[in-house]
PDB file of N, CA and C in Angstrom:
ATOM      1  N   MET A   1       0.794  -1.214  -0.014  1.00  0.00           N
ATOM      2  CA  MET A   1      -0.047   0.002   0.019  1.00  0.00           C
ATOM      3  C   MET A   1       0.876   1.243  -0.019  1.00  0.00           C
ATOM      4  N   VAL A   2       0.516   2.183  -0.858  1.00  0.00           N
ATOM      5  CA  VAL A   2       1.222   3.451  -0.898  1.00  0.00           C
ATOM      6  C   VAL A   2       0.319   4.498  -0.137  1.00  0.00           C
ATOM      7  N   GLU A   3       0.879   5.254   0.809  1.00  0.00           N
ATOM      8  CA  GLU A   3       0.120   6.141   1.588  1.00  0.00           C
ATOM      9  C   GLU A   3      -0.039   7.504   0.777  1.00  0.00           C
ATOM     10  N   CYS A   4      -1.073   8.145   1.021  1.00  0.00           N
ATOM     11  CA  CYS A   4      -1.328   9.501   0.482  1.00  0.00           C
ATOM     12  C   CYS A   4      -0.122  10.348   0.759  1.00  0.00           C
ATOM     13  N   ALA A   5       0.341  11.222  -0.198  1.00  0.00           N
ATOM     14  CA  ALA A   5       1.417  12.127  -0.047  1.00  0.00           C
ATOM     15  C   ALA A   5       1.032  13.368   0.734  1.00  0.00           C
ATOM     16  N   GLU A   6      -0.162  13.658   0.992  1.00  0.00           N
ATOM     17  CA  GLU A   6      -0.518  14.891   1.741  1.00  0.00           C
ATOM     18  C   GLU A   6      -0.228  14.701   3.247  1.00  0.00           C
ATOM     19  N   ASP A   7       0.287  15.762   3.793  1.00  0.00           N
ATOM     20  CA  ASP A   7       0.703  15.737   5.250  1.00  0.00           C
ATOM     21  C   ASP A   7      -0.444  15.356   6.183  1.00  0.00           C
ATOM     22  N   GLY A   8      -0.170  14.466   7.084  1.00  0.00           N
ATOM     23  CA  GLY A   8      -1.192  14.040   8.016  1.00  0.00           C
ATOM     24  C   GLY A   8      -2.230  13.091   7.551  1.00  0.00           C
ATOM     25  N   CYS A   9      -2.205  12.636   6.303  1.00  0.00           N
ATOM     26  CA  CYS A   9      -3.187  11.681   5.771  1.00  0.00           C
ATOM     27  C   CYS A   9      -2.577  10.354   5.662  1.00  0.00           C
ATOM     28  N   GLY A  10      -3.135   9.321   6.242  1.00  0.00           N
ATOM     29  CA  GLY A  10      -2.670   7.947   6.267  1.00  0.00           C
ATOM     30  C   GLY A  10      -3.461   7.039   5.356  1.00  0.00           C
ATOM     31  N   ALA A  11      -4.388   7.634   4.562  1.00  0.00           N
ATOM     32  CA  ALA A  11      -5.209   6.820   3.636  1.00  0.00           C
ATOM     33  C   ALA A  11      -4.348   6.239   2.432  1.00  0.00           C
ATOM     34  N   GLU A  12      -4.915   5.344   1.797  1.00  0.00           N
ATOM     35  CA  GLU A  12      -4.187   4.729   0.675  1.00  0.00           C
ATOM     36  C   GLU A  12      -4.284   5.617  -0.572  1.00  0.00           C
ATOM     37  N   ALA A  13      -3.184   5.781  -1.233  1.00  0.00           N
ATOM     38  CA  ALA A  13      -3.143   6.534  -2.468  1.00  0.00           C
ATOM     39  C   ALA A  13      -3.712   5.758  -3.613  1.00  0.00           C
ATOM     40  N   VAL A  14      -4.662   6.413  -4.345  1.00  0.00           N
ATOM     41  CA  VAL A  14      -5.348   5.729  -5.388  1.00  0.00           C
ATOM     42  C   VAL A  14      -5.216   6.491  -6.774  1.00  0.00           C
ATOM     43  N   VAL A  15      -4.659   7.715  -6.737  1.00  0.00           N
ATOM     44  CA  VAL A  15      -4.531   8.570  -7.857  1.00  0.00           C
ATOM     45  C   VAL A  15      -3.115   9.232  -7.908  1.00  0.00           C
ATOM     46  N   GLU A  16      -2.635   9.304  -9.165  1.00  0.00           N
ATOM     47  CA  GLU A  16      -1.389  10.128  -9.250  1.00  0.00           C
ATOM     48  C   GLU A  16      -1.797  11.385  -9.895  1.00  0.00           C
ATOM     49  N   LEU A  17      -1.343  12.501  -9.211  1.00  0.00           N
ATOM     50  CA  LEU A  17      -1.667  13.778  -9.776  1.00  0.00           C
ATOM     51  C   LEU A  17      -0.479  14.290 -10.467  1.00  0.00           C
ATOM     52  N   HIS A  18      -0.713  14.784 -11.754  1.00  0.00           N
ATOM     53  CA  HIS A  18       0.409  15.422 -12.533  1.00  0.00           C
ATOM     54  C   HIS A  18       0.104  16.924 -12.384  1.00  0.00           C
ATOM     55  N   VAL A  19       0.986  17.570 -11.660  1.00  0.00           N
ATOM     56  CA  VAL A  19       0.888  18.992 -11.321  1.00  0.00           C
ATOM     57  C   VAL A  19       1.940  19.806 -12.111  1.00  0.00           C
ATOM     58  N   PRO A  20       1.521  20.675 -12.988  1.00  0.00           N
ATOM     59  CA  PRO A  20       2.447  21.376 -13.873  1.00  0.00           C
ATOM     60  C   PRO A  20       3.397  22.315 -13.145  1.00  0.00           C
ATOM     61  N   TRP A  21       3.037  22.823 -12.009  1.00  0.00           N
ATOM     62  CA  TRP A  21       3.941  23.773 -11.272  1.00  0.00           C
ATOM     63  C   TRP A  21       4.689  23.112 -10.117  1.00  0.00           C
ATOM     64  N   GLY A  22       4.584  21.825 -10.014  1.00  0.00           N
ATOM     65  CA  GLY A  22       5.233  21.017  -8.974  1.00  0.00           C
ATOM     66  C   GLY A  22       5.479  19.572  -9.285  1.00  0.00           C
ATOM     67  N   ALA A  23       5.887  18.845  -8.333  1.00  0.00           N
ATOM     68  CA  ALA A  23       6.167  17.440  -8.515  1.00  0.00           C
ATOM     69  C   ALA A  23       4.842  16.653  -8.567  1.00  0.00           C
ATOM     70  N   ASN A  24       4.817  15.530  -9.349  1.00  0.00           N
ATOM     71  CA  ASN A  24       3.705  14.701  -9.351  1.00  0.00           C
ATOM     72  C   ASN A  24       3.660  14.042  -7.985  1.00  0.00           C
ATOM     73  N   ARG A  25       2.474  13.661  -7.594  1.00  0.00           N
ATOM     74  CA  ARG A  25       2.325  12.966  -6.315  1.00  0.00           C
ATOM     75  C   ARG A  25       1.180  12.085  -6.263  1.00  0.00           C
ATOM     76  N   ARG A  26       1.221  11.049  -5.436  1.00  0.00           N
ATOM     77  CA  ARG A  26       0.168  10.051  -5.323  1.00  0.00           C
ATOM     78  C   ARG A  26      -0.634  10.386  -4.070  1.00  0.00           C
ATOM     79  N   VAL A  27      -1.905  10.464  -4.294  1.00  0.00           N
ATOM     80  CA  VAL A  27      -2.834  10.942  -3.116  1.00  0.00           C
ATOM     81  C   VAL A  27      -4.009   9.982  -3.102  1.00  0.00           C
ATOM     82  N   CYS A  28      -4.764  10.085  -2.006  1.00  0.00           N
ATOM     83  CA  CYS A  28      -6.087   9.412  -1.737  1.00  0.00           C
ATOM     84  C   CYS A  28      -7.152  10.094  -2.633  1.00  0.00           C
ATOM     85  N   ALA A  29      -8.292   9.446  -2.781  1.00  0.00           N
ATOM     86  CA  ALA A  29      -9.343   9.890  -3.588  1.00  0.00           C
ATOM     87  C   ALA A  29      -9.873  11.216  -3.034  1.00  0.00           C
ATOM     88  N   GLY A  30     -10.006  11.408  -1.762  1.00  0.00           N
ATOM     89  CA  GLY A  30     -10.463  12.650  -1.206  1.00  0.00           C
ATOM     90  C   GLY A  30      -9.603  13.814  -1.506  1.00  0.00           C
ATOM     91  N   HIS A  31      -8.326  13.749  -1.301  1.00  0.00           N
ATOM     92  CA  HIS A  31      -7.406  14.838  -1.695  1.00  0.00           C
ATOM     93  C   HIS A  31      -7.324  15.037  -3.240  1.00  0.00           C
ATOM     94  N   ALA A  32      -7.450  13.942  -3.958  1.00  0.00           N
ATOM     95  CA  ALA A  32      -7.458  14.133  -5.435  1.00  0.00           C
ATOM     96  C   ALA A  32      -8.593  14.923  -5.973  1.00  0.00           C
ATOM     97  N   ARG A  33      -9.725  14.689  -5.384  1.00  0.00           N
ATOM     98  CA  ARG A  33     -10.997  15.399  -5.794  1.00  0.00           C
ATOM     99  C   ARG A  33     -10.819  16.875  -5.581  1.00  0.00           C
ATOM    100  N   VAL A  34     -10.122  17.287  -4.529  1.00  0.00           N
ATOM    101  CA  VAL A  34      -9.972  18.706  -4.310  1.00  0.00           C
ATOM    102  C   VAL A  34      -8.863  19.284  -5.190  1.00  0.00           C
ATOM    103  N   ILE A  35      -7.776  18.658  -5.192  1.00  0.00           N
ATOM    104  CA  ILE A  35      -6.587  19.202  -5.892  1.00  0.00           C
ATOM    105  C   ILE A  35      -6.797  19.130  -7.396  1.00  0.00           C
ATOM    106  N   ALA A  36      -7.427  18.120  -7.917  1.00  0.00           N
ATOM    107  CA  ALA A  36      -7.717  18.040  -9.375  1.00  0.00           C
ATOM    108  C   ALA A  36      -8.574  19.090  -9.896  1.00  0.00           C
ATOM    109  N   ARG A  37      -9.230  19.925  -9.107  1.00  0.00           N
ATOM    110  CA  ARG A  37     -10.043  20.962  -9.588  1.00  0.00           C
ATOM    111  C   ARG A  37      -9.310  22.162 -10.093  1.00  0.00           C
ATOM    112  N   GLN A  38      -8.040  22.165  -9.724  1.00  0.00           N
ATOM    113  CA  GLN A  38      -7.140  23.318 -10.234  1.00  0.00           C
ATOM    114  C   GLN A  38      -6.794  23.140 -11.629  1.00  0.00           C
ATOM    115  N   ASP A  39      -6.752  24.309 -12.333  1.00  0.00           N
ATOM    116  CA  ASP A  39      -6.431  24.285 -13.804  1.00  0.00           C
ATOM    117  C   ASP A  39      -5.105  23.644 -14.028  1.00  0.00           C
ATOM    118  N   GLY A  40      -5.038  22.776 -14.961  1.00  0.00           N
ATOM    119  CA  GLY A  40      -3.791  22.134 -15.338  1.00  0.00           C
ATOM    120  C   GLY A  40      -3.377  20.846 -14.696  1.00  0.00           C
ATOM    121  N   VAL A  41      -4.077  20.515 -13.550  1.00  0.00           N
ATOM    122  CA  VAL A  41      -3.809  19.317 -12.864  1.00  0.00           C
ATOM    123  C   VAL A  41      -4.518  18.135 -13.540  1.00  0.00           C
ATOM    124  N   VAL A  42      -3.779  17.050 -13.778  1.00  0.00           N
ATOM    125  CA  VAL A  42      -4.360  15.901 -14.419  1.00  0.00           C
ATOM    126  C   VAL A  42      -4.274  14.750 -13.419  1.00  0.00           C
ATOM    127  N   ALA A  43      -5.412  14.058 -13.218  1.00  0.00           N
ATOM    128  CA  ALA A  43      -5.522  12.916 -12.217  1.00  0.00           C
ATOM    129  C   ALA A  43      -5.610  11.580 -12.910  1.00  0.00           C
ATOM    130  N   ASP A  44      -4.655  10.725 -12.725  1.00  0.00           N
ATOM    131  CA  ASP A  44      -4.740   9.317 -13.303  1.00  0.00           C
ATOM    132  C   ASP A  44      -4.870   8.371 -12.201  1.00  0.00           C
ATOM    133  N   PRO A  45      -5.855   7.501 -12.279  1.00  0.00           N
ATOM    134  CA  PRO A  45      -5.930   6.412 -11.298  1.00  0.00           C
ATOM    135  C   PRO A  45      -4.757   5.522 -11.323  1.00  0.00           C
ATOM    136  N   LEU A  46      -4.319   5.044 -10.156  1.00  0.00           N
ATOM    137  CA  LEU A  46      -3.194   4.091 -10.086  1.00  0.00           C
ATOM    138  C   LEU A  46      -3.758   2.750 -10.502  1.00  0.00           C
ATOM    139  N   GLU A  47      -2.789   1.907 -10.951  1.00  0.00           N
ATOM    140  CA  GLU A  47      -3.270   0.570 -11.474  1.00  0.00           C
ATOM    141  C   GLU A  47      -3.937  -0.230 -10.329  1.00  0.00           C
ATOM    142  N   GLY A  48      -5.112  -0.731 -10.765  1.00  0.00           N
ATOM    143  CA  GLY A  48      -5.890  -1.425  -9.813  1.00  0.00           C
ATOM    144  C   GLY A  48      -6.905  -0.647  -9.026  1.00  0.00           C
ATOM    145  N   HIS A  49      -6.945   0.687  -9.262  1.00  0.00           N
ATOM    146  CA  HIS A  49      -7.829   1.560  -8.562  1.00  0.00           C
ATOM    147  C   HIS A  49      -8.787   2.332  -9.447  1.00  0.00           C
ATOM    148  N   ASP A  50      -9.063   1.759 -10.598  1.00  0.00           N
ATOM    149  CA  ASP A  50      -9.978   2.442 -11.583  1.00  0.00           C
ATOM    150  C   ASP A  50     -11.383   2.601 -10.940  1.00  0.00           C
ATOM    151  N   GLU A  51     -11.830   1.700 -10.192  1.00  0.00           N
ATOM    152  CA  GLU A  51     -13.143   1.734  -9.571  1.00  0.00           C
ATOM    153  C   GLU A  51     -13.306   2.921  -8.615  1.00  0.00           C
ATOM    154  N   GLU A  52     -12.184   3.308  -7.981  1.00  0.00           N
ATOM    155  CA  GLU A  52     -12.286   4.318  -6.880  1.00  0.00           C
ATOM    156  C   GLU A  52     -12.142   5.703  -7.470  1.00  0.00           C
ATOM    157  N   TRP A  53     -11.775   5.868  -8.789  1.00  0.00           N
ATOM    158  CA  TRP A  53     -11.641   7.171  -9.325  1.00  0.00           C
ATOM    159  C   TRP A  53     -12.443   7.194 -10.599  1.00  0.00           C
ATOM    160  N   PRO A  54     -13.585   7.917 -10.614  1.00  0.00           N
ATOM    161  CA  PRO A  54     -14.442   7.921 -11.830  1.00  0.00           C
ATOM    162  C   PRO A  54     -13.865   8.768 -12.930  1.00  0.00           C
TER     163      PRO A  54
END
């Protein structure tokens, strides 16, 4: 299991965020939903987690 990259979050990472102004990071679905709303951010589900990220 890969943990969410966000500070203080111990949830499983299910999405890799491609952030044009920073490093790519793997985060949980909750954080991905918020961060992916920013312009230019692309969210790709990690292998085996397609069901968790619509």
